[in-house]
Amino acid sequence: MSIIVRKPTEAEKNDMASKSVWGCGVSEFNWHYDSEETALITEGEVEVSYDGGNVSIVAGDYVVFPKGLSCVWKVTKPIKKHYVFK
């Protein structure tokens, strides 16, 4: 189980613009995904640690968090994302 991080297509950017928005300040917390989440990061930076390793996510990234993933989010710059759960 791994986190997918890549740059979004124009179609994905347009689609995600209408999705829910979430943000938080510099912090660290545990998280578990009961459903797959797709997110477009619009601001900030975060380091996500999980059994498969660590991944750095920054503004402009398109991310897929798999269902069943347990991880630790370490937000190093206030973050904002558009997201959808499947």
PDB file of N, CA and C in Angstrom:
ATOM      1  N   MET A   1       0.860  -1.175   0.000  1.00  0.00           N
ATOM      2  CA  MET A   1       0.000   0.000   0.000  1.00  0.00           C
ATOM      3  C   MET A   1       0.900   1.230   0.000  1.00  0.00           C
ATOM      4  N   SER A   2       0.727   2.080  -1.005  1.00  0.00           N
ATOM      5  CA  SER A   2       1.559   3.276  -1.054  1.00  0.00           C
ATOM      6  C   SER A   2       0.743   4.499  -1.462  1.00  0.00           C
ATOM      7  N   ILE A   3       1.283   5.648  -1.151  1.00  0.00           N
ATOM      8  CA  ILE A   3       0.683   6.924  -1.489  1.00  0.00           C
ATOM      9  C   ILE A   3       1.191   7.324  -2.865  1.00  0.00           C
ATOM     10  N   ILE A   4       0.286   7.738  -3.746  1.00  0.00           N
ATOM     11  CA  ILE A   4       0.667   8.202  -5.078  1.00  0.00           C
ATOM     12  C   ILE A   4       0.724   9.728  -5.049  1.00  0.00           C
ATOM     13  N   VAL A   5       1.860  10.291  -5.457  1.00  0.00           N
ATOM     14  CA  VAL A   5       2.029  11.743  -5.527  1.00  0.00           C
ATOM     15  C   VAL A   5       2.533  12.082  -6.923  1.00  0.00           C
ATOM     16  N   ARG A   6       1.816  12.976  -7.610  1.00  0.00           N
ATOM     17  CA  ARG A   6       2.220  13.393  -8.957  1.00  0.00           C
ATOM     18  C   ARG A   6       1.617  14.753  -9.261  1.00  0.00           C
ATOM     19  N   LYS A   7       1.995  15.304 -10.391  1.00  0.00           N
ATOM     20  CA  LYS A   7       1.403  16.564 -10.829  1.00  0.00           C
ATOM     21  C   LYS A   7       0.077  16.257 -11.526  1.00  0.00           C
ATOM     22  N   PRO A   8      -0.941  17.077 -11.297  1.00  0.00           N
ATOM     23  CA  PRO A   8      -2.261  16.819 -11.892  1.00  0.00           C
ATOM     24  C   PRO A   8      -2.326  17.247 -13.357  1.00  0.00           C
ATOM     25  N   THR A   9      -3.252  16.623 -14.074  1.00  0.00           N
ATOM     26  CA  THR A   9      -3.568  17.074 -15.424  1.00  0.00           C
ATOM     27  C   THR A   9      -4.453  18.319 -15.301  1.00  0.00           C
ATOM     28  N   GLU A  10      -4.640  19.032 -16.389  1.00  0.00           N
ATOM     29  CA  GLU A  10      -5.538  20.201 -16.373  1.00  0.00           C
ATOM     30  C   GLU A  10      -6.964  19.769 -16.033  1.00  0.00           C
ATOM     31  N   ALA A  11      -7.389  18.625 -16.563  1.00  0.00           N
ATOM     32  CA  ALA A  11      -8.735  18.124 -16.277  1.00  0.00           C
ATOM     33  C   ALA A  11      -8.896  17.822 -14.788  1.00  0.00           C
ATOM     34  N   GLU A  12      -7.864  17.230 -14.169  1.00  0.00           N
ATOM     35  CA  GLU A  12      -7.929  16.935 -12.735  1.00  0.00           C
ATOM     36  C   GLU A  12      -7.971  18.222 -11.919  1.00  0.00           C
ATOM     37  N   LYS A  13      -7.185  19.222 -12.310  1.00  0.00           N
ATOM     38  CA  LYS A  13      -7.223  20.522 -11.611  1.00  0.00           C
ATOM     39  C   LYS A  13      -8.619  21.114 -11.665  1.00  0.00           C
ATOM     40  N   ASN A  14      -9.219  21.103 -12.849  1.00  0.00           N
ATOM     41  CA  ASN A  14     -10.567  21.665 -13.014  1.00  0.00           C
ATOM     42  C   ASN A  14     -11.592  20.896 -12.204  1.00  0.00           C
ATOM     43  N   ASP A  15     -11.499  19.574 -12.199  1.00  0.00           N
ATOM     44  CA  ASP A  15     -12.439  18.740 -11.453  1.00  0.00           C
ATOM     45  C   ASP A  15     -12.309  18.971  -9.949  1.00  0.00           C
ATOM     46  N   MET A  16     -11.088  19.036  -9.448  1.00  0.00           N
ATOM     47  CA  MET A  16     -10.866  19.179  -8.008  1.00  0.00           C
ATOM     48  C   MET A  16     -11.261  20.558  -7.488  1.00  0.00           C
ATOM     49  N   ALA A  17     -11.301  21.559  -8.345  1.00  0.00           N
ATOM     50  CA  ALA A  17     -11.639  22.927  -7.918  1.00  0.00           C
ATOM     51  C   ALA A  17     -13.021  23.008  -7.272  1.00  0.00           C
ATOM     52  N   SER A  18     -13.924  22.076  -7.636  1.00  0.00           N
ATOM     53  CA  SER A  18     -15.284  22.111  -7.092  1.00  0.00           C
ATOM     54  C   SER A  18     -15.460  21.207  -5.871  1.00  0.00           C
ATOM     55  N   LYS A  19     -14.406  20.557  -5.439  1.00  0.00           N
ATOM     56  CA  LYS A  19     -14.497  19.615  -4.316  1.00  0.00           C
ATOM     57  C   LYS A  19     -14.349  20.321  -2.964  1.00  0.00           C
ATOM     58  N   SER A  20     -14.580  19.582  -1.909  1.00  0.00           N
ATOM     59  CA  SER A  20     -14.474  20.120  -0.548  1.00  0.00           C
ATOM     60  C   SER A  20     -13.065  20.637  -0.288  1.00  0.00           C
ATOM     61  N   VAL A  21     -12.965  21.613   0.623  1.00  0.00           N
ATOM     62  CA  VAL A  21     -11.676  22.213   0.973  1.00  0.00           C
ATOM     63  C   VAL A  21     -11.392  21.959   2.450  1.00  0.00           C
ATOM     64  N   TRP A  22     -10.133  21.634   2.748  1.00  0.00           N
ATOM     65  CA  TRP A  22      -9.683  21.431   4.127  1.00  0.00           C
ATOM     66  C   TRP A  22      -8.325  22.077   4.271  1.00  0.00           C
ATOM     67  N   GLY A  23      -8.046  22.592   5.444  1.00  0.00           N
ATOM     68  CA  GLY A  23      -6.731  23.163   5.711  1.00  0.00           C
ATOM     69  C   GLY A  23      -6.400  23.087   7.186  1.00  0.00           C
ATOM     70  N   CYS A  24      -5.098  23.200   7.490  1.00  0.00           N
ATOM     71  CA  CYS A  24      -4.672  23.260   8.881  1.00  0.00           C
ATOM     72  C   CYS A  24      -3.296  23.908   8.959  1.00  0.00           C
ATOM     73  N   GLY A  25      -2.973  24.385  10.145  1.00  0.00           N
ATOM     74  CA  GLY A  25      -1.688  25.021  10.386  1.00  0.00           C
ATOM     75  C   GLY A  25      -0.609  23.991  10.666  1.00  0.00           C
ATOM     76  N   VAL A  26       0.566  24.487  10.979  1.00  0.00           N
ATOM     77  CA  VAL A  26       1.694  23.627  11.315  1.00  0.00           C
ATOM     78  C   VAL A  26       1.302  22.743  12.499  1.00  0.00           C
ATOM     79  N   SER A  27       1.427  21.425  12.313  1.00  0.00           N
ATOM     80  CA  SER A  27       1.000  20.481  13.348  1.00  0.00           C
ATOM     81  C   SER A  27       1.482  19.076  12.987  1.00  0.00           C
ATOM     82  N   GLU A  28       1.239  18.138  13.896  1.00  0.00           N
ATOM     83  CA  GLU A  28       1.541  16.730  13.649  1.00  0.00           C
ATOM     84  C   GLU A  28       0.409  15.901  14.236  1.00  0.00           C
ATOM     85  N   PHE A  29      -0.101  14.924  13.451  1.00  0.00           N
ATOM     86  CA  PHE A  29      -1.202  14.103  13.927  1.00  0.00           C
ATOM     87  C   PHE A  29      -1.251  12.764  13.196  1.00  0.00           C
ATOM     88  N   ASN A  30      -1.856  11.780  13.840  1.00  0.00           N
ATOM     89  CA  ASN A  30      -2.081  10.459  13.243  1.00  0.00           C
ATOM     90  C   ASN A  30      -3.361  10.510  12.425  1.00  0.00           C
ATOM     91  N   TRP A  31      -3.399   9.727  11.329  1.00  0.00           N
ATOM     92  CA  TRP A  31      -4.604   9.670  10.511  1.00  0.00           C
ATOM     93  C   TRP A  31      -4.763   8.276   9.938  1.00  0.00           C
ATOM     94  N   HIS A  32      -6.028   7.841   9.781  1.00  0.00           N
ATOM     95  CA  HIS A  32      -6.336   6.563   9.153  1.00  0.00           C
ATOM     96  C   HIS A  32      -7.388   6.809   8.076  1.00  0.00           C
ATOM     97  N   TYR A  33      -7.194   6.225   6.903  1.00  0.00           N
ATOM     98  CA  TYR A  33      -8.112   6.386   5.779  1.00  0.00           C
ATOM     99  C   TYR A  33      -9.050   5.188   5.692  1.00  0.00           C
ATOM    100  N   ASP A  34     -10.334   5.408   6.007  1.00  0.00           N
ATOM    101  CA  ASP A  34     -11.356   4.373   5.896  1.00  0.00           C
ATOM    102  C   ASP A  34     -11.807   4.216   4.445  1.00  0.00           C
ATOM    103  N   SER A  35     -11.548   5.252   3.636  1.00  0.00           N
ATOM    104  CA  SER A  35     -11.883   5.267   2.215  1.00  0.00           C
ATOM    105  C   SER A  35     -10.708   5.870   1.462  1.00  0.00           C
ATOM    106  N   GLU A  36     -10.621   5.568   0.169  1.00  0.00           N
ATOM    107  CA  GLU A  36      -9.581   6.212  -0.648  1.00  0.00           C
ATOM    108  C   GLU A  36      -9.864   7.709  -0.739  1.00  0.00           C
ATOM    109  N   GLU A  37      -8.815   8.517  -0.614  1.00  0.00           N
ATOM    110  CA  GLU A  37      -8.951   9.968  -0.762  1.00  0.00           C
ATOM    111  C   GLU A  37      -8.066  10.429  -1.901  1.00  0.00           C
ATOM    112  N   THR A  38      -8.632  11.288  -2.748  1.00  0.00           N
ATOM    113  CA  THR A  38      -7.869  11.978  -3.787  1.00  0.00           C
ATOM    114  C   THR A  38      -7.850  13.441  -3.405  1.00  0.00           C
ATOM    115  N   ALA A  39      -6.661  14.063  -3.486  1.00  0.00           N
ATOM    116  CA  ALA A  39      -6.534  15.453  -3.051  1.00  0.00           C
ATOM    117  C   ALA A  39      -5.631  16.244  -3.988  1.00  0.00           C
ATOM    118  N   LEU A  40      -5.935  17.521  -4.123  1.00  0.00           N
ATOM    119  CA  LEU A  40      -5.082  18.467  -4.830  1.00  0.00           C
ATOM    120  C   LEU A  40      -4.601  19.470  -3.788  1.00  0.00           C
ATOM    121  N   ILE A  41      -3.307  19.492  -3.550  1.00  0.00           N
ATOM    122  CA  ILE A  41      -2.729  20.388  -2.551  1.00  0.00           C
ATOM    123  C   ILE A  41      -2.540  21.761  -3.200  1.00  0.00           C
ATOM    124  N   THR A  42      -3.159  22.778  -2.621  1.00  0.00           N
ATOM    125  CA  THR A  42      -3.081  24.120  -3.212  1.00  0.00           C
ATOM    126  C   THR A  42      -2.152  25.058  -2.446  1.00  0.00           C
ATOM    127  N   GLU A  43      -1.850  24.709  -1.199  1.00  0.00           N
ATOM    128  CA  GLU A  43      -0.936  25.520  -0.385  1.00  0.00           C
ATOM    129  C   GLU A  43      -0.209  24.609   0.595  1.00  0.00           C
ATOM    130  N   GLY A  44       1.018  24.995   0.962  1.00  0.00           N
ATOM    131  CA  GLY A  44       1.710  24.360   2.068  1.00  0.00           C
ATOM    132  C   GLY A  44       2.576  23.167   1.730  1.00  0.00           C
ATOM    133  N   GLU A  45       3.029  22.517   2.813  1.00  0.00           N
ATOM    134  CA  GLU A  45       3.889  21.340   2.719  1.00  0.00           C
ATOM    135  C   GLU A  45       3.594  20.400   3.880  1.00  0.00           C
ATOM    136  N   VAL A  46       3.708  19.097   3.598  1.00  0.00           N
ATOM    137  CA  VAL A  46       3.502  18.084   4.632  1.00  0.00           C
ATOM    138  C   VAL A  46       4.407  16.893   4.341  1.00  0.00           C
ATOM    139  N   GLU A  47       4.884  16.269   5.403  1.00  0.00           N
ATOM    140  CA  GLU A  47       5.622  15.010   5.322  1.00  0.00           C
ATOM    141  C   GLU A  47       4.699  13.950   5.901  1.00  0.00           C
ATOM    142  N   VAL A  48       4.395  12.925   5.107  1.00  0.00           N
ATOM    143  CA  VAL A  48       3.514  11.848   5.565  1.00  0.00           C
ATOM    144  C   VAL A  48       4.355  10.582   5.727  1.00  0.00           C
ATOM    145  N   SER A  49       4.330  10.018   6.937  1.00  0.00           N
ATOM    146  CA  SER A  49       5.075   8.795   7.247  1.00  0.00           C
ATOM    147  C   SER A  49       4.090   7.642   7.415  1.00  0.00           C
ATOM    148  N   TYR A  50       4.444   6.483   6.845  1.00  0.00           N
ATOM    149  CA  TYR A  50       3.596   5.289   6.940  1.00  0.00           C
ATOM    150  C   TYR A  50       4.486   4.069   6.815  1.00  0.00           C
ATOM    151  N   ASP A  51       3.910   2.882   6.952  1.00  0.00           N
ATOM    152  CA  ASP A  51       4.693   1.648   6.911  1.00  0.00           C
ATOM    153  C   ASP A  51       5.522   1.516   5.639  1.00  0.00           C
ATOM    154  N   GLY A  52       5.063   2.087   4.540  1.00  0.00           N
ATOM    155  CA  GLY A  52       5.784   1.997   3.272  1.00  0.00           C
ATOM    156  C   GLY A  52       6.886   3.021   3.113  1.00  0.00           C
ATOM    157  N   GLY A  53       7.024   3.946   4.066  1.00  0.00           N
ATOM    158  CA  GLY A  53       8.065   4.968   3.976  1.00  0.00           C
ATOM    159  C   GLY A  53       7.564   6.351   4.327  1.00  0.00           C
ATOM    160  N   ASN A  54       8.212   7.342   3.739  1.00  0.00           N
ATOM    161  CA  ASN A  54       7.862   8.745   3.943  1.00  0.00           C
ATOM    162  C   ASN A  54       7.669   9.385   2.574  1.00  0.00           C
ATOM    163  N   VAL A  55       6.761  10.332   2.501  1.00  0.00           N
ATOM    164  CA  VAL A  55       6.560  11.066   1.258  1.00  0.00           C
ATOM    165  C   VAL A  55       6.381  12.541   1.591  1.00  0.00           C
ATOM    166  N   SER A  56       7.040  13.390   0.813  1.00  0.00           N
ATOM    167  CA  SER A  56       6.885  14.837   0.947  1.00  0.00           C
ATOM    168  C   SER A  56       5.862  15.295  -0.080  1.00  0.00           C
ATOM    169  N   ILE A  57       4.905  16.104   0.380  1.00  0.00           N
ATOM    170  CA  ILE A  57       3.834  16.593  -0.473  1.00  0.00           C
ATOM    171  C   ILE A  57       3.830  18.112  -0.378  1.00  0.00           C
ATOM    172  N   VAL A  58       3.781  18.772  -1.545  1.00  0.00           N
ATOM    173  CA  VAL A  58       3.846  20.234  -1.587  1.00  0.00           C
ATOM    174  C   VAL A  58       2.719  20.789  -2.458  1.00  0.00           C
ATOM    175  N   ALA A  59       2.523  22.101  -2.366  1.00  0.00           N
ATOM    176  CA  ALA A  59       1.517  22.773  -3.185  1.00  0.00           C
ATOM    177  C   ALA A  59       1.716  22.399  -4.652  1.00  0.00           C
ATOM    178  N   GLY A  60       0.613  22.089  -5.319  1.00  0.00           N
ATOM    179  CA  GLY A  60       0.654  21.697  -6.721  1.00  0.00           C
ATOM    180  C   GLY A  60       0.602  20.197  -6.934  1.00  0.00           C
ATOM    181  N   ASP A  61       0.750  19.404  -5.865  1.00  0.00           N
ATOM    182  CA  ASP A  61       0.722  17.950  -5.988  1.00  0.00           C
ATOM    183  C   ASP A  61      -0.705  17.415  -5.993  1.00  0.00           C
ATOM    184  N   TYR A  62      -0.887  16.337  -6.747  1.00  0.00           N
ATOM    185  CA  TYR A  62      -2.121  15.563  -6.794  1.00  0.00           C
ATOM    186  C   TYR A  62      -1.797  14.260  -6.073  1.00  0.00           C
ATOM    187  N   VAL A  63      -2.591  13.904  -5.072  1.00  0.00           N
ATOM    188  CA  VAL A  63      -2.244  12.788  -4.192  1.00  0.00           C
ATOM    189  C   VAL A  63      -3.412  11.812  -4.067  1.00  0.00           C
ATOM    190  N   VAL A  64      -3.077  10.518  -4.057  1.00  0.00           N
ATOM    191  CA  VAL A  64      -4.075   9.476  -3.796  1.00  0.00           C
ATOM    192  C   VAL A  64      -3.622   8.720  -2.558  1.00  0.00           C
ATOM    193  N   PHE A  65      -4.449   8.788  -1.504  1.00  0.00           N
ATOM    194  CA  PHE A  65      -4.210   8.058  -0.258  1.00  0.00           C
ATOM    195  C   PHE A  65      -5.083   6.809  -0.297  1.00  0.00           C
ATOM    196  N   PRO A  66      -4.484   5.613  -0.248  1.00  0.00           N
ATOM    197  CA  PRO A  66      -5.285   4.384  -0.368  1.00  0.00           C
ATOM    198  C   PRO A  66      -6.138   4.086   0.863  1.00  0.00           C
ATOM    199  N   LYS A  67      -7.248   3.413   0.628  1.00  0.00           N
ATOM    200  CA  LYS A  67      -8.120   2.945   1.701  1.00  0.00           C
ATOM    201  C   LYS A  67      -7.312   2.025   2.617  1.00  0.00           C
ATOM    202  N   GLY A  68      -7.471   2.202   3.926  1.00  0.00           N
ATOM    203  CA  GLY A  68      -6.797   1.362   4.908  1.00  0.00           C
ATOM    204  C   GLY A  68      -5.453   1.894   5.369  1.00  0.00           C
ATOM    205  N   LEU A  69      -4.983   2.984   4.788  1.00  0.00           N
ATOM    206  CA  LEU A  69      -3.682   3.556   5.155  1.00  0.00           C
ATOM    207  C   LEU A  69      -3.733   4.206   6.538  1.00  0.00           C
ATOM    208  N   SER A  70      -2.770   3.870   7.384  1.00  0.00           N
ATOM    209  CA  SER A  70      -2.561   4.563   8.653  1.00  0.00           C
ATOM    210  C   SER A  70      -1.240   5.299   8.528  1.00  0.00           C
ATOM    211  N   CYS A  71      -1.224   6.562   8.953  1.00  0.00           N
ATOM    212  CA  CYS A  71      -0.028   7.363   8.746  1.00  0.00           C
ATOM    213  C   CYS A  71       0.056   8.490   9.778  1.00  0.00           C
ATOM    214  N   VAL A  72       1.178   9.203   9.724  1.00  0.00           N
ATOM    215  CA  VAL A  72       1.385  10.390  10.553  1.00  0.00           C
ATOM    216  C   VAL A  72       1.617  11.565   9.612  1.00  0.00           C
ATOM    217  N   TRP A  73       0.819  12.609   9.787  1.00  0.00           N
ATOM    218  CA  TRP A  73       0.985  13.840   9.026  1.00  0.00           C
ATOM    219  C   TRP A  73       1.819  14.805   9.852  1.00  0.00           C
ATOM    220  N   LYS A  74       2.891  15.332   9.267  1.00  0.00           N
ATOM    221  CA  LYS A  74       3.685  16.385   9.895  1.00  0.00           C
ATOM    222  C   LYS A  74       3.623  17.583   8.954  1.00  0.00           C
ATOM    223  N   VAL A  75       2.726  18.519   9.273  1.00  0.00           N
ATOM    224  CA  VAL A  75       2.519  19.707   8.441  1.00  0.00           C
ATOM    225  C   VAL A  75       3.601  20.723   8.797  1.00  0.00           C
ATOM    226  N   THR A  76       4.453  21.051   7.821  1.00  0.00           N
ATOM    227  CA  THR A  76       5.574  21.956   8.072  1.00  0.00           C
ATOM    228  C   THR A  76       5.305  23.379   7.596  1.00  0.00           C
ATOM    229  N   LYS A  77       4.343  23.551   6.683  1.00  0.00           N
ATOM    230  CA  LYS A  77       3.858  24.866   6.259  1.00  0.00           C
ATOM    231  C   LYS A  77       2.346  24.737   6.158  1.00  0.00           C
ATOM    232  N   PRO A  78       1.586  25.719   6.660  1.00  0.00           N
ATOM    233  CA  PRO A  78       0.127  25.613   6.644  1.00  0.00           C
ATOM    234  C   PRO A  78      -0.378  25.093   5.291  1.00  0.00           C
ATOM    235  N   ILE A  79      -1.266  24.111   5.371  1.00  0.00           N
ATOM    236  CA  ILE A  79      -1.691  23.389   4.171  1.00  0.00           C
ATOM    237  C   ILE A  79      -3.165  23.622   3.868  1.00  0.00           C
ATOM    238  N   LYS A  80      -3.476  23.566   2.574  1.00  0.00           N
ATOM    239  CA  LYS A  80      -4.862  23.661   2.098  1.00  0.00           C
ATOM    240  C   LYS A  80      -4.989  22.678   0.954  1.00  0.00           C
ATOM    241  N   LYS A  81      -6.103  21.953   0.929  1.00  0.00           N
ATOM    242  CA  LYS A  81      -6.322  20.990  -0.144  1.00  0.00           C
ATOM    243  C   LYS A  81      -7.796  20.933  -0.538  1.00  0.00           C
ATOM    244  N   HIS A  82      -8.019  20.556  -1.792  1.00  0.00           N
ATOM    245  CA  HIS A  82      -9.338  20.178  -2.281  1.00  0.00           C
ATOM    246  C   HIS A  82      -9.320  18.663  -2.280  1.00  0.00           C
ATOM    247  N   TYR A  83     -10.389  18.036  -1.820  1.00  0.00           N
ATOM    248  CA  TYR A  83     -10.349  16.585  -1.686  1.00  0.00           C
ATOM    249  C   TYR A  83     -11.702  15.937  -1.928  1.00  0.00           C
ATOM    250  N   VAL A  84     -11.638  14.624  -2.186  1.00  0.00           N
ATOM    251  CA  VAL A  84     -12.846  13.815  -2.335  1.00  0.00           C
ATOM    252  C   VAL A  84     -12.516  12.405  -1.850  1.00  0.00           C
ATOM    253  N   PHE A  85     -13.472  11.800  -1.119  1.00  0.00           N
ATOM    254  CA  PHE A  85     -13.352  10.411  -0.693  1.00  0.00           C
ATOM    255  C   PHE A  85     -14.170   9.557  -1.639  1.00  0.00           C
ATOM    256  N   LYS A  86     -13.657   8.382  -1.977  1.00  0.00           N
ATOM    257  CA  LYS A  86     -14.386   7.462  -2.876  1.00  0.00           C
ATOM    258  C   LYS A  86     -14.946   6.314  -2.085  1.00  0.00           C
TER     259      LYS A  86
END
